[in-house]
C-alpha atoms as a PDB file:
ATOM      1  CA  UNK A   1      -0.134  -0.012  -0.066  1.00  0.00           C
ATOM      2  CA  UNK A   2       2.473   2.553  -1.438  1.00  0.00           C
ATOM      3  CA  UNK A   3       2.483   5.399  -3.740  1.00  0.00           C
ATOM      4  CA  UNK A   4      -0.571   7.604  -5.114  1.00  0.00           C
ATOM      5  CA  UNK A   5      -1.488   7.627  -8.669  1.00  0.00           C
ATOM      6  CA  UNK A   6       1.069  10.156  -9.803  1.00  0.00           C
ATOM      7  CA  UNK A   7       3.895   8.570  -7.901  1.00  0.00           C
ATOM      8  CA  UNK A   8       2.986   5.167  -9.471  1.00  0.00           C
ATOM      9  CA  UNK A   9       3.014   6.501 -12.874  1.00  0.00           C
ATOM     10  CA  UNK A  10       6.402   8.168 -12.380  1.00  0.00           C
ATOM     11  CA  UNK A  11       7.967   5.013 -10.868  1.00  0.00           C
ATOM     12  CA  UNK A  12       6.838   2.957 -14.099  1.00  0.00           C
ATOM     13  CA  UNK A  13       7.877   5.455 -16.391  1.00  0.00           C
ATOM     14  CA  UNK A  14      11.172   5.623 -14.712  1.00  0.00           C
ATOM     15  CA  UNK A  15      11.587   2.068 -14.894  1.00  0.00           C
ATOM     16  CA  UNK A  16      10.721   1.881 -18.501  1.00  0.00           C
ATOM     17  CA  UNK A  17      13.821   4.273 -19.083  1.00  0.00           C
ATOM     18  CA  UNK A  18      15.968   1.450 -17.914  1.00  0.00           C
ATOM     19  CA  UNK A  19      15.452  -0.466 -21.236  1.00  0.00           C
ATOM     20  CA  UNK A  20      14.882  -3.904 -19.055  1.00  0.00           C
ATOM     21  CA  UNK A  21      15.564  -6.937 -21.115  1.00  0.00           C
ATOM     22  CA  UNK A  22      12.648  -9.478 -21.122  1.00  0.00           C
ATOM     23  CA  UNK A  23      12.675 -12.853 -23.018  1.00  0.00           C
ATOM     24  CA  UNK A  24      11.276 -16.449 -23.082  1.00  0.00           C
ATOM     25  CA  UNK A  25      13.091 -17.209 -19.809  1.00  0.00           C
ATOM     26  CA  UNK A  26      12.791 -13.952 -17.926  1.00  0.00           C
ATOM     27  CA  UNK A  27       9.398 -12.170 -17.021  1.00  0.00           C
ATOM     28  CA  UNK A  28       9.176  -8.941 -15.401  1.00  0.00           C
ATOM     29  CA  UNK A  29       5.769  -8.541 -13.570  1.00  0.00           C
ATOM     30  CA  UNK A  30       4.639  -5.447 -11.887  1.00  0.00           C
ATOM     31  CA  UNK A  31       2.097  -5.916  -9.034  1.00  0.00           C
ATOM     32  CA  UNK A  32       0.580  -2.504  -8.108  1.00  0.00           C
ATOM     33  CA  UNK A  33      -2.369  -1.682  -5.953  1.00  0.00           C
ATOM     34  CA  UNK A  34      -5.743  -1.713  -7.544  1.00  0.00           C
ATOM     35  CA  UNK A  35      -5.785   2.038  -8.400  1.00  0.00           C
ATOM     36  CA  UNK A  36      -2.861   1.600 -10.513  1.00  0.00           C
ATOM     37  CA  UNK A  37      -3.746  -1.351 -12.575  1.00  0.00           C
ATOM     38  CA  UNK A  38      -5.464   0.481 -15.595  1.00  0.00           C
ATOM     39  CA  UNK A  39      -2.895   3.274 -15.920  1.00  0.00           C
ATOM     40  CA  UNK A  40       0.166   1.039 -15.659  1.00  0.00           C
ATOM     41  CA  UNK A  41      -1.544  -1.314 -18.255  1.00  0.00           C
ATOM     42  CA  UNK A  42      -1.540   1.605 -20.702  1.00  0.00           C
ATOM     43  CA  UNK A  43       2.110   2.543 -19.766  1.00  0.00           C
ATOM     44  CA  UNK A  44       3.598  -1.040 -20.279  1.00  0.00           C
ATOM     45  CA  UNK A  45       1.632  -1.854 -23.555  1.00  0.00           C
ATOM     46  CA  UNK A  46       4.175  -3.437 -26.140  1.00  0.00           C
ATOM     47  CA  UNK A  47       7.011  -3.284 -23.597  1.00  0.00           C
ATOM     48  CA  UNK A  48       7.173  -7.058 -22.643  1.00  0.00           C
ATOM     49  CA  UNK A  49       6.309  -6.227 -19.145  1.00  0.00           C
ATOM     50  CA  UNK A  50       3.541  -8.174 -17.484  1.00  0.00           C
ATOM     51  CA  UNK A  51       0.825  -7.077 -14.921  1.00  0.00           C
ATOM     52  CA  UNK A  52      -0.341  -8.331 -11.753  1.00  0.00           C
ATOM     53  CA  UNK A  53      -2.762  -7.660  -8.894  1.00  0.00           C
ATOM     54  CA  UNK A  54      -2.087  -8.114  -5.199  1.00  0.00           C
ATOM     55  CA  UNK A  55      -5.350  -9.624  -4.384  1.00  0.00           C
ATOM     56  CA  UNK A  56      -8.549 -11.154  -5.369  1.00  0.00           C
ATOM     57  CA  UNK A  57     -11.903 -12.328  -3.931  1.00  0.00           C
ATOM     58  CA  UNK A  58     -12.881 -15.912  -3.854  1.00  0.00           C
ATOM     59  CA  UNK A  59     -16.382 -15.301  -5.449  1.00  0.00           C
ATOM     60  CA  UNK A  60     -17.034 -14.366  -8.957  1.00  0.00           C
ATOM     61  CA  UNK A  61     -19.456 -11.747  -8.110  1.00  0.00           C
ATOM     62  CA  UNK A  62     -22.019 -10.677  -5.613  1.00  0.00           C
ATOM     63  CA  UNK A  63     -22.649  -8.282  -2.583  1.00  0.00           C
ATOM     64  CA  UNK A  64     -18.937  -8.071  -1.339  1.00  0.00           C
ATOM     65  CA  UNK A  65     -18.540  -4.173  -1.254  1.00  0.00           C
ATOM     66  CA  UNK A  66     -14.846  -3.151  -1.324  1.00  0.00           C
ATOM     67  CA  UNK A  67     -13.673  -6.606  -3.007  1.00  0.00           C
ATOM     68  CA  UNK A  68     -12.398  -7.299  -6.449  1.00  0.00           C
ATOM     69  CA  UNK A  69     -13.233 -10.556  -8.273  1.00  0.00           C
ATOM     70  CA  UNK A  70     -10.792 -12.625 -10.514  1.00  0.00           C
ATOM     71  CA  UNK A  71     -13.007 -12.182 -13.492  1.00  0.00           C
ATOM     72  CA  UNK A  72     -13.021  -8.385 -13.162  1.00  0.00           C
ATOM     73  CA  UNK A  73      -9.170  -8.463 -13.039  1.00  0.00           C
ATOM     74  CA  UNK A  74      -9.272 -10.700 -16.107  1.00  0.00           C
ATOM     75  CA  UNK A  75     -11.438  -8.154 -17.906  1.00  0.00           C
ATOM     76  CA  UNK A  76      -8.391  -5.694 -17.897  1.00  0.00           C
ATOM     77  CA  UNK A  77      -6.075  -8.280 -18.886  1.00  0.00           C
ATOM     78  CA  UNK A  78      -4.250  -8.944 -15.712  1.00  0.00           C
ATOM     79  CA  UNK A  79      -1.827 -11.856 -16.165  1.00  0.00           C
ATOM     80  CA  UNK A  80      -0.983 -12.650 -12.585  1.00  0.00           C
ATOM     81  CA  UNK A  81      -2.328 -12.317  -9.058  1.00  0.00           C
ATOM     82  CA  UNK A  82      -0.723 -12.851  -5.472  1.00  0.00           C
ATOM     83  CA  UNK A  83      -2.351 -15.239  -3.311  1.00  0.00           C
ATOM     84  CA  UNK A  84      -1.579 -15.943   0.467  1.00  0.00           C
ATOM     85  CA  UNK A  85       1.092 -13.222   1.078  1.00  0.00           C
ATOM     86  CA  UNK A  86       2.045 -13.160   4.759  1.00  0.00           C
ATOM     87  CA  UNK A  87       0.496  -9.989   5.222  1.00  0.00           C
ATOM     88  CA  UNK A  88      -2.905 -11.127   4.009  1.00  0.00           C
ATOM     89  CA  UNK A  89      -2.506 -14.254   6.228  1.00  0.00           C
ATOM     90  CA  UNK A  90      -1.569 -12.303   9.076  1.00  0.00           C
ATOM     91  CA  UNK A  91      -3.824  -9.244   9.108  1.00  0.00           C
ATOM     92  CA  UNK A  92      -6.878 -10.550   7.246  1.00  0.00           C
ATOM     93  CA  UNK A  93      -6.818 -14.100   8.823  1.00  0.00           C
ATOM     94  CA  UNK A  94      -6.759 -15.796   5.426  1.00  0.00           C
ATOM     95  CA  UNK A  95      -6.336 -19.571   5.947  1.00  0.00           C
ATOM     96  CA  UNK A  96      -5.925 -22.493   3.758  1.00  0.00           C
ATOM     97  CA  UNK A  97      -9.621 -23.028   2.851  1.00  0.00           C
ATOM     98  CA  UNK A  98      -9.916 -19.439   1.642  1.00  0.00           C
ATOM     99  CA  UNK A  99      -6.839 -19.505  -0.159  1.00  0.00           C
ATOM    100  CA  UNK A 100      -7.834 -22.627  -1.989  1.00  0.00           C
ATOM    101  CA  UNK A 101     -10.909 -20.974  -3.248  1.00  0.00           C
ATOM    102  CA  UNK A 102      -9.148 -17.759  -4.273  1.00  0.00           C
ATOM    103  CA  UNK A 103      -6.718 -20.179  -6.276  1.00  0.00           C
ATOM    104  CA  UNK A 104      -9.728 -21.756  -7.972  1.00  0.00           C
ATOM    105  CA  UNK A 105     -11.198 -18.295  -8.735  1.00  0.00           C
ATOM    106  CA  UNK A 106      -7.919 -17.338 -10.582  1.00  0.00           C
ATOM    107  CA  UNK A 107      -7.648 -20.478 -12.474  1.00  0.00           C
ATOM    108  CA  UNK A 108     -11.107 -20.072 -13.728  1.00  0.00           C
ATOM    109  CA  UNK A 109     -10.505 -16.756 -14.977  1.00  0.00           C
ATOM    110  CA  UNK A 110      -7.294 -17.599 -16.746  1.00  0.00           C
ATOM    111  CA  UNK A 111      -5.027 -15.701 -14.268  1.00  0.00           C
ATOM    112  CA  UNK A 112      -1.796 -17.228 -12.959  1.00  0.00           C
ATOM    113  CA  UNK A 113      -1.588 -17.273  -9.100  1.00  0.00           C
ATOM    114  CA  UNK A 114       1.629 -16.437  -7.288  1.00  0.00           C
ATOM    115  CA  UNK A 115       1.166 -18.488  -4.274  1.00  0.00           C
ATOM    116  CA  UNK A 116       3.125 -17.088  -1.259  1.00  0.00           C
ATOM    117  CA  UNK A 117       4.412 -19.213   1.620  1.00  0.00           C
ATOM    118  CA  UNK A 118       6.760 -18.610   4.466  1.00  0.00           C
ATOM    119  CA  UNK A 119       7.406 -19.073   8.235  1.00  0.00           C
ATOM    120  CA  UNK A 120       7.714 -16.650  11.292  1.00  0.00           C
ATOM    121  CA  UNK A 121      10.998 -16.273  13.124  1.00  0.00           C
ATOM    122  CA  UNK A 122       9.731 -18.427  15.778  1.00  0.00           C
ATOM    123  CA  UNK A 123       8.831 -21.126  13.696  1.00  0.00           C
ATOM    124  CA  UNK A 124      12.414 -21.193  12.210  1.00  0.00           C
ATOM    125  CA  UNK A 125      13.997 -20.939  15.505  1.00  0.00           C
ATOM    126  CA  UNK A 126      11.947 -23.887  16.915  1.00  0.00           C
ATOM    127  CA  UNK A 127      12.737 -26.049  13.894  1.00  0.00           C
ATOM    128  CA  UNK A 128       9.315 -26.290  12.597  1.00  0.00           C
ATOM    129  CA  UNK A 129       9.687 -24.169   9.364  1.00  0.00           C
ATOM    130  CA  UNK A 130       9.711 -27.244   7.044  1.00  0.00           C
ATOM    131  CA  UNK A 131       6.377 -28.520   8.801  1.00  0.00           C
ATOM    132  CA  UNK A 132       4.875 -25.151   8.352  1.00  0.00           C
ATOM    133  CA  UNK A 133       5.713 -24.905   4.538  1.00  0.00           C
ATOM    134  CA  UNK A 134       4.354 -28.327   3.979  1.00  0.00           C
ATOM    135  CA  UNK A 135       1.017 -27.239   5.621  1.00  0.00           C
ATOM    136  CA  UNK A 136       0.874 -24.294   3.400  1.00  0.00           C
ATOM    137  CA  UNK A 137       1.755 -26.149   0.328  1.00  0.00           C
ATOM    138  CA  UNK A 138      -1.177 -28.590   1.062  1.00  0.00           C
ATOM    139  CA  UNK A 139      -3.407 -25.935  -0.707  1.00  0.00           C
ATOM    140  CA  UNK A 140      -1.756 -26.816  -3.999  1.00  0.00           C
ATOM    141  CA  UNK A 141      -1.526 -30.622  -3.328  1.00  0.00           C
ATOM    142  CA  UNK A 142      -5.371 -30.926  -4.198  1.00  0.00           C
ATOM    143  CA  UNK A 143      -5.066 -28.895  -7.406  1.00  0.00           C
ATOM    144  CA  UNK A 144      -4.612 -30.687 -10.797  1.00  0.00           C
ATOM    145  CA  UNK A 145      -1.429 -31.047 -12.697  1.00  0.00           C
ATOM    146  CA  UNK A 146      -2.850 -28.434 -15.351  1.00  0.00           C
ATOM    147  CA  UNK A 147      -3.431 -25.784 -12.596  1.00  0.00           C
ATOM    148  CA  UNK A 148       0.156 -26.396 -10.905  1.00  0.00           C
ATOM    149  CA  UNK A 149       1.605 -25.883 -14.438  1.00  0.00           C
ATOM    150  CA  UNK A 150       0.002 -22.195 -14.182  1.00  0.00           C
ATOM    151  CA  UNK A 151       1.069 -21.551 -10.778  1.00  0.00           C
ATOM    152  CA  UNK A 152       4.255 -19.658  -9.461  1.00  0.00           C
ATOM    153  CA  UNK A 153       5.327 -20.281  -5.869  1.00  0.00           C
ATOM    154  CA  UNK A 154       6.966 -17.603  -3.878  1.00  0.00           C
ATOM    155  CA  UNK A 155       8.796 -18.419  -0.539  1.00  0.00           C
ATOM    156  CA  UNK A 156       9.073 -15.388   1.769  1.00  0.00           C
ATOM    157  CA  UNK A 157      10.612 -15.975   5.212  1.00  0.00           C
ATOM    158  CA  UNK A 158       8.393 -13.651   7.150  1.00  0.00           C
ATOM    159  CA  UNK A 159      11.082 -12.862   9.495  1.00  0.00           C
ATOM    160  CA  UNK A 160      13.202 -11.167   6.539  1.00  0.00           C
ATOM    161  CA  UNK A 161      10.441  -9.159   4.951  1.00  0.00           C
ATOM    162  CA  UNK A 162      11.045  -5.343   5.602  1.00  0.00           C
ATOM    163  CA  UNK A 163      13.199  -6.114   8.295  1.00  0.00           C
ATOM    164  CA  UNK A 164      16.630  -5.736   6.615  1.00  0.00           C
ATOM    165  CA  UNK A 165      17.203  -9.379   7.456  1.00  0.00           C
ATOM    166  CA  UNK A 166      17.704 -11.794   4.576  1.00  0.00           C
ATOM    167  CA  UNK A 167      18.124 -15.487   4.505  1.00  0.00           C
ATOM    168  CA  UNK A 168      21.334 -16.474   3.399  1.00  0.00           C
ATOM    169  CA  UNK A 169      21.715 -17.853  -0.068  1.00  0.00           C
ATOM    170  CA  UNK A 170      22.223 -21.389   1.504  1.00  0.00           C
ATOM    171  CA  UNK A 171      18.860 -20.926   3.715  1.00  0.00           C
ATOM    172  CA  UNK A 172      16.862 -19.836   0.482  1.00  0.00           C
ATOM    173  CA  UNK A 173      18.295 -22.853  -1.668  1.00  0.00           C
ATOM    174  CA  UNK A 174      17.730 -25.431   1.188  1.00  0.00           C
ATOM    175  CA  UNK A 175      13.890 -24.213   1.356  1.00  0.00           C
ATOM    176  CA  UNK A 176      13.327 -23.844  -2.405  1.00  0.00           C
ATOM    177  CA  UNK A 177      14.846 -27.460  -2.824  1.00  0.00           C
ATOM    178  CA  UNK A 178      12.431 -28.600  -0.257  1.00  0.00           C
ATOM    179  CA  UNK A 179       9.439 -26.961  -2.053  1.00  0.00           C
ATOM    180  CA  UNK A 180      10.573 -28.557  -5.260  1.00  0.00           C
ATOM    181  CA  UNK A 181      10.872 -32.014  -3.750  1.00  0.00           C
ATOM    182  CA  UNK A 182       7.229 -31.615  -2.372  1.00  0.00           C
ATOM    183  CA  UNK A 183       5.958 -30.569  -5.563  1.00  0.00           C
ATOM    184  CA  UNK A 184       7.706 -33.460  -7.153  1.00  0.00           C
ATOM    185  CA  UNK A 185       6.324 -35.902  -4.661  1.00  0.00           C
ATOM    186  CA  UNK A 186       2.636 -35.047  -5.680  1.00  0.00           C
ATOM    187  CA  UNK A 187       2.996 -33.878  -9.309  1.00  0.00           C
ATOM    188  CA  UNK A 188       6.074 -35.653 -10.737  1.00  0.00           C
ATOM    189  CA  UNK A 189       9.473 -34.367 -11.722  1.00  0.00           C
ATOM    190  CA  UNK A 190       8.702 -32.517 -14.953  1.00  0.00           C
ATOM    191  CA  UNK A 191       6.182 -30.244 -13.387  1.00  0.00           C
ATOM    192  CA  UNK A 192       8.424 -29.649 -10.399  1.00  0.00           C
ATOM    193  CA  UNK A 193      11.246 -28.699 -12.459  1.00  0.00           C
ATOM    194  CA  UNK A 194       9.190 -26.482 -14.500  1.00  0.00           C
ATOM    195  CA  UNK A 195       7.415 -24.639 -11.526  1.00  0.00           C
ATOM    196  CA  UNK A 196       8.904 -21.259 -11.106  1.00  0.00           C
ATOM    197  CA  UNK A 197       9.962 -20.747  -7.415  1.00  0.00           C
ATOM    198  CA  UNK A 198      10.568 -17.139  -6.398  1.00  0.00           C
ATOM    199  CA  UNK A 199      12.469 -15.787  -3.210  1.00  0.00           C
ATOM    200  CA  UNK A 200      11.156 -12.799  -1.402  1.00  0.00           C
ATOM    201  CA  UNK A 201      12.382 -11.027   1.722  1.00  0.00           C
ATOM    202  CA  UNK A 202      14.611  -8.092   1.746  1.00  0.00           C
ATOM    203  CA  UNK A 203      16.189  -8.789  -1.647  1.00  0.00           C
ATOM    204  CA  UNK A 204      18.157  -5.973  -2.839  1.00  0.00           C
ATOM    205  CA  UNK A 205      20.765  -5.163  -5.520  1.00  0.00           C
ATOM    206  CA  UNK A 206      23.585  -6.214  -3.215  1.00  0.00           C
ATOM    207  CA  UNK A 207      22.302  -9.790  -2.460  1.00  0.00           C
ATOM    208  CA  UNK A 208      20.251 -10.502  -5.620  1.00  0.00           C
ATOM    209  CA  UNK A 209      22.954 -11.969  -7.887  1.00  0.00           C
ATOM    210  CA  UNK A 210      24.012 -14.461  -5.076  1.00  0.00           C
ATOM    211  CA  UNK A 211      20.363 -15.335  -4.155  1.00  0.00           C
ATOM    212  CA  UNK A 212      19.471 -16.046  -7.942  1.00  0.00           C
ATOM    213  CA  UNK A 213      22.615 -18.087  -8.486  1.00  0.00           C
ATOM    214  CA  UNK A 214      21.205 -20.742  -6.400  1.00  0.00           C
ATOM    215  CA  UNK A 215      19.822 -23.818  -8.464  1.00  0.00           C
ATOM    216  CA  UNK A 216      16.312 -23.672  -7.205  1.00  0.00           C
ATOM    217  CA  UNK A 217      15.859 -19.846  -6.900  1.00  0.00           C
ATOM    218  CA  UNK A 218      14.181 -18.872 -10.231  1.00  0.00           C
ATOM    219  CA  UNK A 219      13.704 -15.372  -9.441  1.00  0.00           C
ATOM    220  CA  UNK A 220      12.466 -12.822  -6.762  1.00  0.00           C
ATOM    221  CA  UNK A 221       9.177 -11.460  -5.412  1.00  0.00           C
ATOM    222  CA  UNK A 222      10.477  -7.900  -4.602  1.00  0.00           C
ATOM    223  CA  UNK A 223       9.069  -5.558  -1.978  1.00  0.00           C
ATOM    224  CA  UNK A 224      10.452  -2.430  -0.780  1.00  0.00           C
ATOM    225  CA  UNK A 225      13.419  -2.410  -3.445  1.00  0.00           C
ATOM    226  CA  UNK A 226      10.814  -2.435  -6.164  1.00  0.00           C
ATOM    227  CA  UNK A 227       9.787   1.238  -5.186  1.00  0.00           C
ATOM    228  CA  UNK A 228      12.978   2.517  -6.459  1.00  0.00           C
ATOM    229  CA  UNK A 229      13.474   2.204 -10.217  1.00  0.00           C
ATOM    230  CA  UNK A 230      17.291   2.061 -10.014  1.00  0.00           C
ATOM    231  CA  UNK A 231      17.182  -0.794  -7.374  1.00  0.00           C
ATOM    232  CA  UNK A 232      14.615  -2.706  -9.104  1.00  0.00           C
ATOM    233  CA  UNK A 233      16.282  -2.642 -12.407  1.00  0.00           C
ATOM    234  CA  UNK A 234      19.549  -3.738 -10.826  1.00  0.00           C
ATOM    235  CA  UNK A 235      17.954  -6.664  -9.239  1.00  0.00           C
ATOM    236  CA  UNK A 236      16.332  -7.616 -12.568  1.00  0.00           C
ATOM    237  CA  UNK A 237      19.746  -7.461 -14.259  1.00  0.00           C
ATOM    238  CA  UNK A 238      21.181  -9.649 -11.599  1.00  0.00           C
ATOM    239  CA  UNK A 239      18.733 -12.511 -12.877  1.00  0.00           C
ATOM    240  CA  UNK A 240      20.134 -11.949 -16.438  1.00  0.00           C
ATOM    241  CA  UNK A 241      23.985 -12.108 -15.247  1.00  0.00           C
END
């Protein structure tokens, strides 16, 4: 929940000046708040950048004032949408049952979910982080192979979001390898290897290259650093390097 409409446009225009490189193996997705979606869509037309939303409602339509459905997002050509971000889980009490319905709404609307998972510091210190991640992944285990093929998974250690703390590259790789192994157990090796796994949590220009060099870290879900065009473009360049 950052930037008014004018600040948002300025950020995107500054980003476009960086001449970002996108190709078949690299997508850059902008995930602004709802008020920015239409204007950003106009700005990035024919640039190769993709657009995503930060949230969707589980129902297609109805008397849910203040909510936005997946079909409404699809009507303005939204490609991606976050589901299960730690802040939604914490502040809005979103649990597995609701998140599963939100995923289904996105699948039905032809929008690719970016499904977020991650543990709190207490869970990591108690050695419960793998158990917690498996519990959160169970939402995906009941989906079809075709649905998982259209799903991105983002791992965010909650203790590293906006704190300046960052999981080491070894910690990130360890968890990403675990996530991929669980996907392999349920959907087979081919789908597991093709599933894009993103790391989020205080990723910045200084640590991005090392994080993205890990075998199972396919990219990043960037928070605060994405509010600065120079920093964000540097992180994107780190994926290409």
